[in-house]
Amino acid sequence: MPAAVICTEPFRQSAAEMAAAQGVPDYPFALMAHPISAATREELRERARAVLPEVIGLLVAHTKE
């Protein structure tokens, strides 16, 4: 099942290290603006819209494998 990982910028390095530890050092993931816990619903909607093309690209890439 295709899946896409989304994380916020401060967690980019951790995400990359976790992927490498699992044996997939080049695992692609989408980045979203930080922070999300203090964001309003509208801000979260805007961020989701902004990252959606990248997420779709990740999902489509997985289906081609």
PDB file of N, CA and C in Angstrom:
ATOM      1  N   MET A   1       0.840  -1.165   0.000  1.00  0.00           N
ATOM      2  CA  MET A   1       0.000   0.000   0.000  1.00  0.00           C
ATOM      3  C   MET A   1       0.893   1.238   0.000  1.00  0.00           C
ATOM      4  N   PRO A   2       0.698   2.119  -0.960  1.00  0.00           N
ATOM      5  CA  PRO A   2       1.503   3.343  -1.001  1.00  0.00           C
ATOM      6  C   PRO A   2       1.287   4.194   0.247  1.00  0.00           C
ATOM      7  N   ALA A   3       2.340   4.815   0.688  1.00  0.00           N
ATOM      8  CA  ALA A   3       2.269   5.702   1.854  1.00  0.00           C
ATOM      9  C   ALA A   3       3.264   6.834   1.656  1.00  0.00           C
ATOM     10  N   ALA A   4       2.988   7.947   2.304  1.00  0.00           N
ATOM     11  CA  ALA A   4       3.895   9.097   2.253  1.00  0.00           C
ATOM     12  C   ALA A   4       4.122   9.590   3.675  1.00  0.00           C
ATOM     13  N   VAL A   5       5.373   9.823   3.994  1.00  0.00           N
ATOM     14  CA  VAL A   5       5.729  10.359   5.304  1.00  0.00           C
ATOM     15  C   VAL A   5       5.801  11.874   5.198  1.00  0.00           C
ATOM     16  N   ILE A   6       5.201  12.549   6.172  1.00  0.00           N
ATOM     17  CA  ILE A   6       5.250  14.007   6.251  1.00  0.00           C
ATOM     18  C   ILE A   6       5.845  14.358   7.613  1.00  0.00           C
ATOM     19  N   CYS A   7       6.832  15.227   7.619  1.00  0.00           N
ATOM     20  CA  CYS A   7       7.378  15.702   8.882  1.00  0.00           C
ATOM     21  C   CYS A   7       7.647  17.191   8.771  1.00  0.00           C
ATOM     22  N   THR A   8       7.878  17.827   9.904  1.00  0.00           N
ATOM     23  CA  THR A   8       8.184  19.248   9.882  1.00  0.00           C
ATOM     24  C   THR A   8       9.699  19.444   9.832  1.00  0.00           C
ATOM     25  N   GLU A   9      10.086  20.615   9.363  1.00  0.00           N
ATOM     26  CA  GLU A   9      11.499  20.918   9.106  1.00  0.00           C
ATOM     27  C   GLU A   9      12.452  20.553  10.246  1.00  0.00           C
ATOM     28  N   PRO A  10      12.153  20.868  11.514  1.00  0.00           N
ATOM     29  CA  PRO A  10      13.106  20.527  12.574  1.00  0.00           C
ATOM     30  C   PRO A  10      13.349  19.014  12.721  1.00  0.00           C
ATOM     31  N   PHE A  11      12.472  18.210  12.164  1.00  0.00           N
ATOM     32  CA  PHE A  11      12.617  16.761  12.287  1.00  0.00           C
ATOM     33  C   PHE A  11      13.184  16.121  11.028  1.00  0.00           C
ATOM     34  N   ARG A  12      13.636  16.944  10.086  1.00  0.00           N
ATOM     35  CA  ARG A  12      14.199  16.426   8.831  1.00  0.00           C
ATOM     36  C   ARG A  12      15.367  15.474   9.103  1.00  0.00           C
ATOM     37  N   GLN A  13      16.304  15.911   9.914  1.00  0.00           N
ATOM     38  CA  GLN A  13      17.479  15.083  10.196  1.00  0.00           C
ATOM     39  C   GLN A  13      17.098  13.784  10.888  1.00  0.00           C
ATOM     40  N   SER A  14      16.198  13.854  11.860  1.00  0.00           N
ATOM     41  CA  SER A  14      15.751  12.640  12.557  1.00  0.00           C
ATOM     42  C   SER A  14      15.077  11.679  11.593  1.00  0.00           C
ATOM     43  N   ALA A  15      14.246  12.207  10.703  1.00  0.00           N
ATOM     44  CA  ALA A  15      13.564  11.354   9.726  1.00  0.00           C
ATOM     45  C   ALA A  15      14.573  10.671   8.820  1.00  0.00           C
ATOM     46  N   ALA A  16      15.565  11.422   8.369  1.00  0.00           N
ATOM     47  CA  ALA A  16      16.599  10.844   7.505  1.00  0.00           C
ATOM     48  C   ALA A  16      17.398   9.775   8.245  1.00  0.00           C
ATOM     49  N   GLU A  17      17.730  10.032   9.494  1.00  0.00           N
ATOM     50  CA  GLU A  17      18.485   9.056  10.278  1.00  0.00           C
ATOM     51  C   GLU A  17      17.659   7.803  10.555  1.00  0.00           C
ATOM     52  N   MET A  18      16.382   7.977  10.829  1.00  0.00           N
ATOM     53  CA  MET A  18      15.518   6.813  11.068  1.00  0.00           C
ATOM     54  C   MET A  18      15.382   5.976   9.804  1.00  0.00           C
ATOM     55  N   ALA A  19      15.245   6.637   8.660  1.00  0.00           N
ATOM     56  CA  ALA A  19      15.159   5.902   7.395  1.00  0.00           C
ATOM     57  C   ALA A  19      16.450   5.131   7.140  1.00  0.00           C
ATOM     58  N   ALA A  20      17.576   5.778   7.373  1.00  0.00           N
ATOM     59  CA  ALA A  20      18.863   5.107   7.182  1.00  0.00           C
ATOM     60  C   ALA A  20      19.011   3.919   8.124  1.00  0.00           C
ATOM     61  N   ALA A  21      18.584   4.073   9.357  1.00  0.00           N
ATOM     62  CA  ALA A  21      18.669   2.978  10.332  1.00  0.00           C
ATOM     63  C   ALA A  21      17.812   1.787   9.920  1.00  0.00           C
ATOM     64  N   GLN A  22      16.757   2.066   9.152  1.00  0.00           N
ATOM     65  CA  GLN A  22      15.878   0.991   8.683  1.00  0.00           C
ATOM     66  C   GLN A  22      16.338   0.429   7.333  1.00  0.00           C
ATOM     67  N   GLY A  23      17.471   0.919   6.849  1.00  0.00           N
ATOM     68  CA  GLY A  23      18.039   0.380   5.619  1.00  0.00           C
ATOM     69  C   GLY A  23      17.594   1.080   4.341  1.00  0.00           C
ATOM     70  N   VAL A  24      16.928   2.217   4.459  1.00  0.00           N
ATOM     71  CA  VAL A  24      16.507   2.972   3.273  1.00  0.00           C
ATOM     72  C   VAL A  24      16.966   4.434   3.403  1.00  0.00           C
ATOM     73  N   PRO A  25      18.276   4.652   3.260  1.00  0.00           N
ATOM     74  CA  PRO A  25      18.836   5.983   3.502  1.00  0.00           C
ATOM     75  C   PRO A  25      18.301   7.070   2.572  1.00  0.00           C
ATOM     76  N   ASP A  26      17.783   6.683   1.421  1.00  0.00           N
ATOM     77  CA  ASP A  26      17.262   7.687   0.488  1.00  0.00           C
ATOM     78  C   ASP A  26      15.734   7.721   0.473  1.00  0.00           C
ATOM     79  N   TYR A  27      15.108   7.238   1.558  1.00  0.00           N
ATOM     80  CA  TYR A  27      13.647   7.224   1.618  1.00  0.00           C
ATOM     81  C   TYR A  27      13.119   8.653   1.513  1.00  0.00           C
ATOM     82  N   PRO A  28      12.226   8.903   0.562  1.00  0.00           N
ATOM     83  CA  PRO A  28      11.723  10.272   0.385  1.00  0.00           C
ATOM     84  C   PRO A  28      10.603  10.603   1.371  1.00  0.00           C
ATOM     85  N   PHE A  29      10.576  11.836   1.821  1.00  0.00           N
ATOM     86  CA  PHE A  29       9.489  12.286   2.686  1.00  0.00           C
ATOM     87  C   PHE A  29       9.211  13.751   2.382  1.00  0.00           C
ATOM     88  N   ALA A  30       7.996  14.162   2.705  1.00  0.00           N
ATOM     89  CA  ALA A  30       7.583  15.547   2.470  1.00  0.00           C
ATOM     90  C   ALA A  30       7.819  16.367   3.727  1.00  0.00           C
ATOM     91  N   LEU A  31       8.152  17.625   3.532  1.00  0.00           N
ATOM     92  CA  LEU A  31       8.372  18.523   4.667  1.00  0.00           C
ATOM     93  C   LEU A  31       7.265  19.567   4.744  1.00  0.00           C
ATOM     94  N   MET A  32       6.812  19.800   5.960  1.00  0.00           N
ATOM     95  CA  MET A  32       5.769  20.787   6.224  1.00  0.00           C
ATOM     96  C   MET A  32       6.331  21.813   7.194  1.00  0.00           C
ATOM     97  N   ALA A  33       5.816  23.028   7.113  1.00  0.00           N
ATOM     98  CA  ALA A  33       6.273  24.098   8.003  1.00  0.00           C
ATOM     99  C   ALA A  33       6.030  23.735   9.469  1.00  0.00           C
ATOM    100  N   HIS A  34       6.892  24.220  10.312  1.00  0.00           N
ATOM    101  CA  HIS A  34       6.833  23.966  11.757  1.00  0.00           C
ATOM    102  C   HIS A  34       6.526  25.281  12.455  1.00  0.00           C
ATOM    103  N   PRO A  35       5.866  25.301  13.567  1.00  0.00           N
ATOM    104  CA  PRO A  35       5.273  24.168  14.280  1.00  0.00           C
ATOM    105  C   PRO A  35       3.847  23.916  13.801  1.00  0.00           C
ATOM    106  N   ILE A  36       3.342  22.741  14.125  1.00  0.00           N
ATOM    107  CA  ILE A  36       1.950  22.449  13.781  1.00  0.00           C
ATOM    108  C   ILE A  36       1.062  22.462  15.020  1.00  0.00           C
ATOM    109  N   SER A  37       1.627  22.246  16.183  1.00  0.00           N
ATOM    110  CA  SER A  37       0.807  22.185  17.396  1.00  0.00           C
ATOM    111  C   SER A  37       0.163  23.524  17.744  1.00  0.00           C
ATOM    112  N   ALA A  38       0.795  24.619  17.373  1.00  0.00           N
ATOM    113  CA  ALA A  38       0.254  25.935  17.684  1.00  0.00           C
ATOM    114  C   ALA A  38      -0.497  26.553  16.502  1.00  0.00           C
ATOM    115  N   ALA A  39      -0.556  25.840  15.392  1.00  0.00           N
ATOM    116  CA  ALA A  39      -1.206  26.371  14.193  1.00  0.00           C
ATOM    117  C   ALA A  39      -2.725  26.311  14.323  1.00  0.00           C
ATOM    118  N   THR A  40      -3.376  27.273  13.715  1.00  0.00           N
ATOM    119  CA  THR A  40      -4.840  27.265  13.674  1.00  0.00           C
ATOM    120  C   THR A  40      -5.297  26.257  12.620  1.00  0.00           C
ATOM    121  N   ARG A  41      -6.580  25.947  12.624  1.00  0.00           N
ATOM    122  CA  ARG A  41      -7.109  25.031  11.610  1.00  0.00           C
ATOM    123  C   ARG A  41      -6.838  25.556  10.202  1.00  0.00           C
ATOM    124  N   GLU A  42      -7.035  26.841  10.016  1.00  0.00           N
ATOM    125  CA  GLU A  42      -6.802  27.419   8.689  1.00  0.00           C
ATOM    126  C   GLU A  42      -5.326  27.333   8.304  1.00  0.00           C
ATOM    127  N   GLU A  43      -4.440  27.596   9.245  1.00  0.00           N
ATOM    128  CA  GLU A  43      -3.009  27.469   8.954  1.00  0.00           C
ATOM    129  C   GLU A  43      -2.659  26.029   8.590  1.00  0.00           C
ATOM    130  N   LEU A  44      -3.242  25.070   9.287  1.00  0.00           N
ATOM    131  CA  LEU A  44      -2.992  23.663   8.963  1.00  0.00           C
ATOM    132  C   LEU A  44      -3.535  23.317   7.581  1.00  0.00           C
ATOM    133  N   ARG A  45      -4.714  23.844   7.248  1.00  0.00           N
ATOM    134  CA  ARG A  45      -5.270  23.617   5.902  1.00  0.00           C
ATOM    135  C   ARG A  45      -4.327  24.175   4.837  1.00  0.00           C
ATOM    136  N   GLU A  46      -3.820  25.379   5.063  1.00  0.00           N
ATOM    137  CA  GLU A  46      -2.897  25.994   4.102  1.00  0.00           C
ATOM    138  C   GLU A  46      -1.629  25.167   3.952  1.00  0.00           C
ATOM    139  N   ARG A  47      -1.112  24.702   5.065  1.00  0.00           N
ATOM    140  CA  ARG A  47       0.107  23.882   5.010  1.00  0.00           C
ATOM    141  C   ARG A  47      -0.161  22.553   4.311  1.00  0.00           C
ATOM    142  N   ALA A  48      -1.314  21.969   4.578  1.00  0.00           N
ATOM    143  CA  ALA A  48      -1.681  20.710   3.914  1.00  0.00           C
ATOM    144  C   ALA A  48      -1.806  20.934   2.407  1.00  0.00           C
ATOM    145  N   ARG A  49      -2.434  22.021   2.008  1.00  0.00           N
ATOM    146  CA  ARG A  49      -2.547  22.330   0.577  1.00  0.00           C
ATOM    147  C   ARG A  49      -1.171  22.528  -0.042  1.00  0.00           C
ATOM    148  N   ALA A  50      -0.294  23.167   0.685  1.00  0.00           N
ATOM    149  CA  ALA A  50       1.046  23.445   0.166  1.00  0.00           C
ATOM    150  C   ALA A  50       1.862  22.168  -0.038  1.00  0.00           C
ATOM    151  N   VAL A  51       1.710  21.204   0.860  1.00  0.00           N
ATOM    152  CA  VAL A  51       2.506  19.979   0.785  1.00  0.00           C
ATOM    153  C   VAL A  51       1.826  18.892  -0.068  1.00  0.00           C
ATOM    154  N   LEU A  52       0.557  19.081  -0.395  1.00  0.00           N
ATOM    155  CA  LEU A  52      -0.191  18.060  -1.131  1.00  0.00           C
ATOM    156  C   LEU A  52       0.466  17.633  -2.442  1.00  0.00           C
ATOM    157  N   PRO A  53       0.941  18.535  -3.286  1.00  0.00           N
ATOM    158  CA  PRO A  53       1.589  18.075  -4.528  1.00  0.00           C
ATOM    159  C   PRO A  53       2.783  17.160  -4.272  1.00  0.00           C
ATOM    160  N   GLU A  54       3.551  17.472  -3.245  1.00  0.00           N
ATOM    161  CA  GLU A  54       4.699  16.625  -2.911  1.00  0.00           C
ATOM    162  C   GLU A  54       4.239  15.248  -2.426  1.00  0.00           C
ATOM    163  N   VAL A  55       3.199  15.219  -1.610  1.00  0.00           N
ATOM    164  CA  VAL A  55       2.654  13.952  -1.110  1.00  0.00           C
ATOM    165  C   VAL A  55       2.121  13.117  -2.273  1.00  0.00           C
ATOM    166  N   ILE A  56       1.390  13.736  -3.171  1.00  0.00           N
ATOM    167  CA  ILE A  56       0.878  13.005  -4.338  1.00  0.00           C
ATOM    168  C   ILE A  56       2.037  12.453  -5.149  1.00  0.00           C
ATOM    169  N   GLY A  57       3.073  13.255  -5.328  1.00  0.00           N
ATOM    170  CA  GLY A  57       4.256  12.769  -6.053  1.00  0.00           C
ATOM    171  C   GLY A  57       4.882  11.557  -5.386  1.00  0.00           C
ATOM    172  N   LEU A  58       4.964  11.568  -4.067  1.00  0.00           N
ATOM    173  CA  LEU A  58       5.521  10.418  -3.349  1.00  0.00           C
ATOM    174  C   LEU A  58       4.636   9.187  -3.535  1.00  0.00           C
ATOM    175  N   LEU A  59       3.324   9.374  -3.454  1.00  0.00           N
ATOM    176  CA  LEU A  59       2.408   8.254  -3.610  1.00  0.00           C
ATOM    177  C   LEU A  59       2.454   7.678  -5.010  1.00  0.00           C
ATOM    178  N   VAL A  60       2.513   8.530  -6.006  1.00  0.00           N
ATOM    179  CA  VAL A  60       2.569   8.071  -7.394  1.00  0.00           C
ATOM    180  C   VAL A  60       3.888   7.358  -7.650  1.00  0.00           C
ATOM    181  N   ALA A  61       4.976   7.861  -7.103  1.00  0.00           N
ATOM    182  CA  ALA A  61       6.279   7.224  -7.273  1.00  0.00           C
ATOM    183  C   ALA A  61       6.271   5.813  -6.705  1.00  0.00           C
ATOM    184  N   HIS A  62       5.601   5.626  -5.555  1.00  0.00           N
ATOM    185  CA  HIS A  62       5.523   4.295  -4.942  1.00  0.00           C
ATOM    186  C   HIS A  62       4.724   3.325  -5.794  1.00  0.00           C
ATOM    187  N   THR A  63       3.722   3.811  -6.491  1.00  0.00           N
ATOM    188  CA  THR A  63       2.887   2.904  -7.290  1.00  0.00           C
ATOM    189  C   THR A  63       3.591   2.472  -8.560  1.00  0.00           C
ATOM    190  N   LYS A  64       4.645   3.193  -8.968  1.00  0.00           N
ATOM    191  CA  LYS A  64       5.387   2.831 -10.170  1.00  0.00           C
ATOM    192  C   LYS A  64       6.440   1.770  -9.910  1.00  0.00           C
ATOM    193  N   GLU A  65       6.714   1.491  -8.645  1.00  0.00           N
ATOM    194  CA  GLU A  65       7.768   0.519  -8.307  1.00  0.00           C
ATOM    195  C   GLU A  65       7.291  -0.900  -8.472  1.00  0.00           C
TER     196      GLU A  65
END
